[in-house]
Amino acid sequence: MRPDLTTFQAEEHRPFTLQGTHTAVMLIHGFPGTPSEMRPLIPIFREHDFTVRGVLLPGFGADLETLPTRSYADWVNFLVDEAKKLRQTHDRLLIAGFSMGGALAVRLATELRHIDGLMLYAPFWKIDHVAWRAMPVIQALFPQPRIFKYLPMDFNKPEVRDGISRFMPNADLDDPQTRQEIRDFRLPVRMFAQIHKAGHEAYRLAPKIICPTLILQGLEDDLVRPSLTEHFAKRFQNVTYQTIHAPHVLIDPKLPDFGALVRHTQEFIHRHIVHHP
């Protein structure tokens, strides 16, 4: 990849730790995100002086070029190590995950001896599309597609330019060669197979989760559909399921209903953590 097309270089995309007292919260971003998308949750937890750890999954952020070499097992092993470190210095541990990070959070909760609470935001477990069901065939026939080639990518639209600039801040989007290289960007289907596995495992393991669980879903989410999340929520033993008016990226202070997300998260923390020694 050309130097000007390198991704996620800004400080906001890097992992972080805000040190608190006896309770720690691990924040797990989605695909292909970074800790940046979880940062709006920080004030909720810092209000109670919780330690907040925003992790960066292997192969994401500035290391996105290595993503095709990563696997579901890499992400799980990394998260288990991170969680054990937090457990060594804190009495209680909460896990919050967004989208694919929510699927990984479910797996992590089953790997550890004890989790005090699980918060899942638009948790991914499947996509309601024929391509999802055909993933094994697609992987065999089209091992390395141009993922942007067939998308309606209008580089003149402000929302398209803003979206690309978030992870490629140095890209000259007026340059025809740059536009073509972005359209020609290839990502192995094997990578999507790892995401497929993460979702499948989350669905399979959900009934084993015994800790209090909050699931928040956007009603305008056209990627992780509300009907699928509602079905997923019913597999948990001790779950609070809430919906808000939001798209898939629901952890966004600019959204009109972000206050509802904050309120539901605060209520969950007060009920199961603050007032539950």
Protein backbone atom coordinates (compact mmCIF):
# COMPACT_ATOMS: atom_id res chain seq x y z
CA MET A 1 0.00 0.00 0.00
CA ARG A 2 1.29 3.49 -0.87
CA PRO A 3 2.48 5.55 2.14
CA ASP A 4 -0.32 8.09 1.67
CA LEU A 5 -2.89 5.28 1.86
CA THR A 6 -1.73 3.95 5.22
CA THR A 7 -4.56 3.60 7.69
CA PHE A 8 -5.55 4.58 11.22
CA GLN A 9 -2.41 6.54 12.15
CA ALA A 10 -4.04 9.04 14.53
CA GLU A 11 -3.71 8.72 18.30
CA GLU A 12 -7.45 8.11 18.72
CA HIS A 13 -7.10 4.74 16.98
CA ARG A 14 -4.47 3.39 19.36
CA PRO A 15 -5.13 1.24 22.45
CA PHE A 16 -5.49 3.08 25.74
CA THR A 17 -5.80 2.54 29.48
CA LEU A 18 -7.38 5.01 31.90
CA GLN A 19 -6.48 3.83 35.39
CA GLY A 20 -9.18 3.63 38.04
CA THR A 21 -9.85 1.65 41.19
CA HIS A 22 -11.28 -1.83 41.80
CA THR A 23 -13.42 -2.38 38.68
CA ALA A 24 -12.07 -2.65 35.13
CA VAL A 25 -13.91 -2.42 31.82
CA MET A 26 -12.48 -3.85 28.60
CA LEU A 27 -13.76 -2.23 25.41
CA ILE A 28 -13.62 -4.35 22.22
CA HIS A 29 -14.08 -2.60 18.87
CA GLY A 30 -15.71 -4.02 15.75
CA PHE A 31 -14.60 -4.80 12.19
CA PRO A 32 -12.66 -3.05 10.71
CA GLY A 33 -12.59 -0.55 13.57
CA THR A 34 -10.25 0.62 16.30
CA PRO A 35 -10.57 1.75 19.94
CA SER A 36 -11.72 5.11 18.56
CA GLU A 37 -15.28 3.85 18.04
CA MET A 38 -15.52 2.85 21.72
CA ARG A 39 -14.21 6.12 23.19
CA PRO A 40 -17.68 7.76 23.56
CA LEU A 41 -18.41 5.19 26.28
CA ILE A 42 -15.48 6.32 28.45
CA PRO A 43 -17.35 9.00 30.49
CA ILE A 44 -19.99 6.46 31.55
CA PHE A 45 -17.38 4.27 33.22
CA ARG A 46 -15.07 6.99 34.47
CA GLU A 47 -18.03 8.43 36.38
CA HIS A 48 -17.55 5.49 38.76
CA ASP A 49 -13.74 5.61 38.62
CA PHE A 50 -13.56 2.33 36.71
CA THR A 51 -10.35 1.47 34.90
CA VAL A 52 -11.10 1.62 31.17
CA ARG A 53 -9.01 -0.43 28.77
CA GLY A 54 -9.59 0.05 25.03
CA VAL A 55 -7.89 -2.80 23.19
CA LEU A 56 -6.74 -2.94 19.56
CA LEU A 57 -7.26 -6.37 18.03
CA PRO A 58 -4.30 -7.91 16.15
CA GLY A 59 -4.32 -6.89 12.49
CA PHE A 60 -6.37 -3.73 12.97
CA GLY A 61 -5.54 -0.04 13.18
CA ALA A 62 -2.12 0.89 11.80
CA ASP A 63 -1.42 -2.83 11.24
CA LEU A 64 -4.40 -3.29 8.89
CA GLU A 65 -2.12 -4.58 6.13
CA THR A 66 -1.45 -7.66 8.28
CA LEU A 67 -5.17 -8.40 8.72
CA PRO A 68 -5.27 -11.12 6.01
CA THR A 69 -2.78 -13.15 8.07
CA ARG A 70 -4.85 -12.98 11.27
CA SER A 71 -7.41 -15.45 12.55
CA TYR A 72 -10.30 -15.75 14.97
CA ALA A 73 -8.00 -17.70 17.30
CA ASP A 74 -5.50 -14.81 17.27
CA TRP A 75 -8.19 -12.39 18.44
CA VAL A 76 -9.50 -14.71 21.16
CA ASN A 77 -6.04 -15.51 22.54
CA PHE A 78 -5.13 -11.82 22.58
CA LEU A 79 -8.31 -10.89 24.46
CA VAL A 80 -7.86 -13.66 27.02
CA ASP A 81 -4.34 -12.40 27.79
CA GLU A 82 -5.56 -8.81 28.10
CA ALA A 83 -8.44 -9.81 30.39
CA LYS A 84 -6.20 -11.88 32.66
CA LYS A 85 -3.90 -8.90 33.13
CA LEU A 86 -6.85 -6.77 34.21
CA ARG A 87 -8.06 -9.51 36.53
CA GLN A 88 -4.72 -9.56 38.34
CA THR A 89 -5.13 -5.94 39.45
CA HIS A 90 -8.91 -5.50 39.75
CA ASP A 91 -11.65 -7.10 41.83
CA ARG A 92 -14.30 -6.93 39.10
CA LEU A 93 -14.21 -7.09 35.33
CA LEU A 94 -16.77 -5.91 32.77
CA ILE A 95 -16.56 -6.48 29.04
CA ALA A 96 -18.15 -4.26 26.40
CA GLY A 97 -18.10 -5.13 22.70
CA PHE A 98 -19.45 -3.52 19.56
CA SER A 99 -20.56 -5.51 16.48
CA MET A 100 -17.91 -8.20 15.87
CA GLY A 101 -16.36 -7.09 19.14
CA GLY A 102 -19.61 -8.17 20.77
CA ALA A 103 -19.25 -11.65 19.29
CA LEU A 104 -15.69 -11.84 20.59
CA ALA A 105 -16.85 -10.59 24.00
CA VAL A 106 -19.21 -13.56 24.27
CA ARG A 107 -16.37 -15.98 23.54
CA LEU A 108 -14.11 -14.19 26.03
CA ALA A 109 -16.74 -14.40 28.75
CA THR A 110 -16.85 -18.18 28.37
CA GLU A 111 -13.04 -18.43 28.46
CA LEU A 112 -12.65 -16.71 31.83
CA ARG A 113 -13.59 -18.05 35.25
CA HIS A 114 -15.76 -15.10 36.16
CA ILE A 115 -17.12 -11.97 34.47
CA ASP A 116 -19.17 -9.44 36.41
CA GLY A 117 -21.05 -8.02 33.45
CA LEU A 118 -21.28 -8.10 29.67
CA MET A 119 -22.41 -5.16 27.51
CA LEU A 120 -23.04 -5.84 23.83
CA TYR A 121 -23.76 -3.03 21.37
CA ALA A 122 -25.31 -4.17 18.07
CA PRO A 123 -23.71 -7.60 18.63
CA PHE A 124 -22.97 -9.45 15.43
CA TRP A 125 -23.70 -13.14 14.98
CA LYS A 126 -24.90 -13.38 11.37
CA ILE A 127 -25.84 -11.29 8.37
CA ASP A 128 -29.23 -11.78 6.73
CA HIS A 129 -27.87 -12.23 3.22
CA VAL A 130 -27.48 -15.19 0.87
CA ALA A 131 -23.72 -14.51 0.68
CA TRP A 132 -23.45 -15.25 4.39
CA ARG A 133 -24.96 -18.70 3.98
CA ALA A 134 -22.80 -19.32 0.92
CA MET A 135 -19.55 -18.28 2.60
CA PRO A 136 -17.80 -21.69 2.22
CA VAL A 137 -18.51 -21.73 -1.53
CA ILE A 138 -17.50 -18.09 -1.97
CA GLN A 139 -14.26 -18.73 -0.13
CA ALA A 140 -13.41 -21.55 -2.53
CA LEU A 141 -14.38 -19.80 -5.77
CA PHE A 142 -13.40 -16.18 -5.06
CA PRO A 143 -10.46 -16.25 -2.63
CA GLN A 144 -9.47 -12.59 -3.07
CA PRO A 145 -12.20 -10.26 -4.39
CA ARG A 146 -12.02 -6.50 -4.89
CA ILE A 147 -14.36 -5.63 -2.07
CA PHE A 148 -15.04 -2.02 -3.18
CA LYS A 149 -15.39 -2.68 -6.90
CA TYR A 150 -19.15 -3.21 -6.88
CA LEU A 151 -20.01 -0.61 -4.25
CA PRO A 152 -21.55 2.72 -5.33
CA MET A 153 -18.51 4.71 -4.19
CA ASP A 154 -19.07 8.32 -5.25
CA PHE A 155 -15.90 10.15 -4.23
CA ASN A 156 -17.68 13.48 -4.67
CA LYS A 157 -20.15 12.83 -1.85
CA PRO A 158 -19.12 14.37 1.51
CA GLU A 159 -20.17 11.28 3.50
CA VAL A 160 -18.01 9.00 1.31
CA ARG A 161 -15.01 11.31 1.58
CA ASP A 162 -15.45 11.69 5.34
CA GLY A 163 -15.71 7.93 5.80
CA ILE A 164 -12.53 7.21 3.85
CA SER A 165 -10.64 10.08 5.50
CA ARG A 166 -11.33 8.61 8.93
CA PHE A 167 -8.98 5.72 8.24
CA MET A 168 -6.91 7.11 5.34
CA PRO A 169 -6.36 10.73 6.43
CA ASN A 170 -3.50 11.34 3.98
CA ALA A 171 -5.23 10.04 0.85
CA ASP A 172 -5.78 12.53 -1.98
CA LEU A 173 -9.35 11.60 -2.91
CA ASP A 174 -9.27 13.91 -5.93
CA ASP A 175 -6.43 11.92 -7.49
CA PRO A 176 -7.74 9.42 -10.11
CA GLN A 177 -4.96 6.92 -9.30
CA THR A 178 -5.80 7.02 -5.60
CA ARG A 179 -9.48 6.45 -6.34
CA GLN A 180 -8.65 3.46 -8.53
CA GLU A 181 -6.33 1.91 -5.95
CA ILE A 182 -9.05 2.14 -3.32
CA ARG A 183 -11.54 0.49 -5.69
CA ASP A 184 -8.98 -2.24 -6.46
CA PHE A 185 -8.23 -2.95 -2.79
CA ARG A 186 -8.41 -6.72 -2.22
CA LEU A 187 -9.25 -8.51 1.00
CA PRO A 188 -9.15 -12.32 1.13
CA VAL A 189 -12.51 -13.99 1.68
CA ARG A 190 -10.63 -16.05 4.27
CA MET A 191 -10.85 -12.92 6.42
CA PHE A 192 -14.63 -12.89 6.18
CA ALA A 193 -14.59 -16.58 7.06
CA GLN A 194 -12.94 -15.62 10.37
CA ILE A 195 -15.72 -13.12 11.03
CA HIS A 196 -18.24 -15.83 10.11
CA LYS A 197 -16.65 -18.09 12.74
CA ALA A 198 -16.76 -15.35 15.38
CA GLY A 199 -20.50 -14.90 14.84
CA HIS A 200 -21.23 -18.63 14.76
CA GLU A 201 -19.32 -19.23 18.00
CA ALA A 202 -21.06 -16.33 19.75
CA TYR A 203 -24.47 -17.79 18.89
CA ARG A 204 -23.42 -21.26 20.03
CA LEU A 205 -21.91 -20.08 23.33
CA ALA A 206 -24.55 -17.51 24.34
CA PRO A 207 -26.58 -19.97 26.52
CA LYS A 208 -23.45 -20.57 28.63
CA ILE A 209 -23.23 -16.93 29.70
CA ILE A 210 -24.47 -16.61 33.30
CA CYS A 211 -23.35 -13.06 34.16
CA PRO A 212 -25.71 -10.08 33.77
CA THR A 213 -25.79 -9.07 30.10
CA LEU A 214 -26.96 -5.86 28.45
CA ILE A 215 -27.73 -5.93 24.73
CA LEU A 216 -28.38 -2.62 22.95
CA GLN A 217 -29.62 -2.61 19.36
CA GLY A 218 -30.30 0.16 16.86
CA LEU A 219 -33.69 -0.07 15.21
CA GLU A 220 -32.36 1.43 11.96
CA ASP A 221 -29.45 -1.02 11.76
CA ASP A 222 -29.34 -2.49 8.25
CA LEU A 223 -26.24 -4.62 8.88
CA VAL A 224 -27.05 -6.38 12.15
CA ARG A 225 -30.81 -6.47 11.87
CA PRO A 226 -32.91 -5.95 15.03
CA SER A 227 -34.88 -9.16 14.46
CA LEU A 228 -31.66 -11.18 14.49
CA THR A 229 -30.38 -9.47 17.63
CA GLU A 230 -33.69 -10.05 19.41
CA HIS A 231 -33.42 -13.74 18.57
CA PHE A 232 -29.80 -13.76 19.75
CA ALA A 233 -30.72 -12.08 23.06
CA LYS A 234 -33.17 -14.85 23.92
CA ARG A 235 -30.27 -17.32 24.13
CA PHE A 236 -28.76 -15.58 27.18
CA GLN A 237 -29.70 -16.58 30.72
CA ASN A 238 -29.67 -13.17 32.40
CA VAL A 239 -30.18 -10.51 29.73
CA THR A 240 -31.55 -6.98 29.48
CA TYR A 241 -32.46 -6.20 25.87
CA GLN A 242 -32.99 -2.57 24.84
CA THR A 243 -33.47 -0.82 21.50
CA ILE A 244 -32.77 2.76 20.46
CA HIS A 245 -33.32 4.72 17.26
CA ALA A 246 -29.89 4.39 15.66
CA PRO A 247 -28.05 2.80 12.72
CA HIS A 248 -25.40 0.10 13.13
CA VAL A 249 -22.76 2.53 14.42
CA LEU A 250 -24.85 3.41 17.47
CA ILE A 251 -22.00 4.49 19.79
CA ASP A 252 -22.00 8.01 18.38
CA PRO A 253 -22.67 11.13 20.50
CA LYS A 254 -23.95 12.95 17.39
CA LEU A 255 -26.96 10.63 17.12
CA PRO A 256 -30.25 11.98 18.52
CA ASP A 257 -30.83 8.86 20.63
CA PHE A 258 -27.31 8.55 22.03
CA GLY A 259 -28.64 9.77 25.37
CA ALA A 260 -30.82 6.65 25.55
CA LEU A 261 -27.76 4.45 25.00
CA VAL A 262 -25.99 6.24 27.84
CA ARG A 263 -29.02 5.92 30.11
CA HIS A 264 -29.48 2.19 29.49
CA THR A 265 -25.79 1.57 30.10
CA GLN A 266 -25.83 3.61 33.31
CA GLU A 267 -28.90 1.78 34.60
CA PHE A 268 -27.26 -1.57 33.90
CA ILE A 269 -24.09 -0.55 35.76
CA HIS A 270 -26.02 0.78 38.76
CA ARG A 271 -28.22 -2.30 39.00
CA HIS A 272 -25.57 -4.97 38.59
CA ILE A 273 -22.27 -3.38 39.63
CA VAL A 274 -22.54 -0.22 41.75
CA HIS A 275 -25.35 -1.50 43.96
CA HIS A 276 -24.23 -5.12 43.89
CA PRO A 277 -21.10 -5.57 46.06
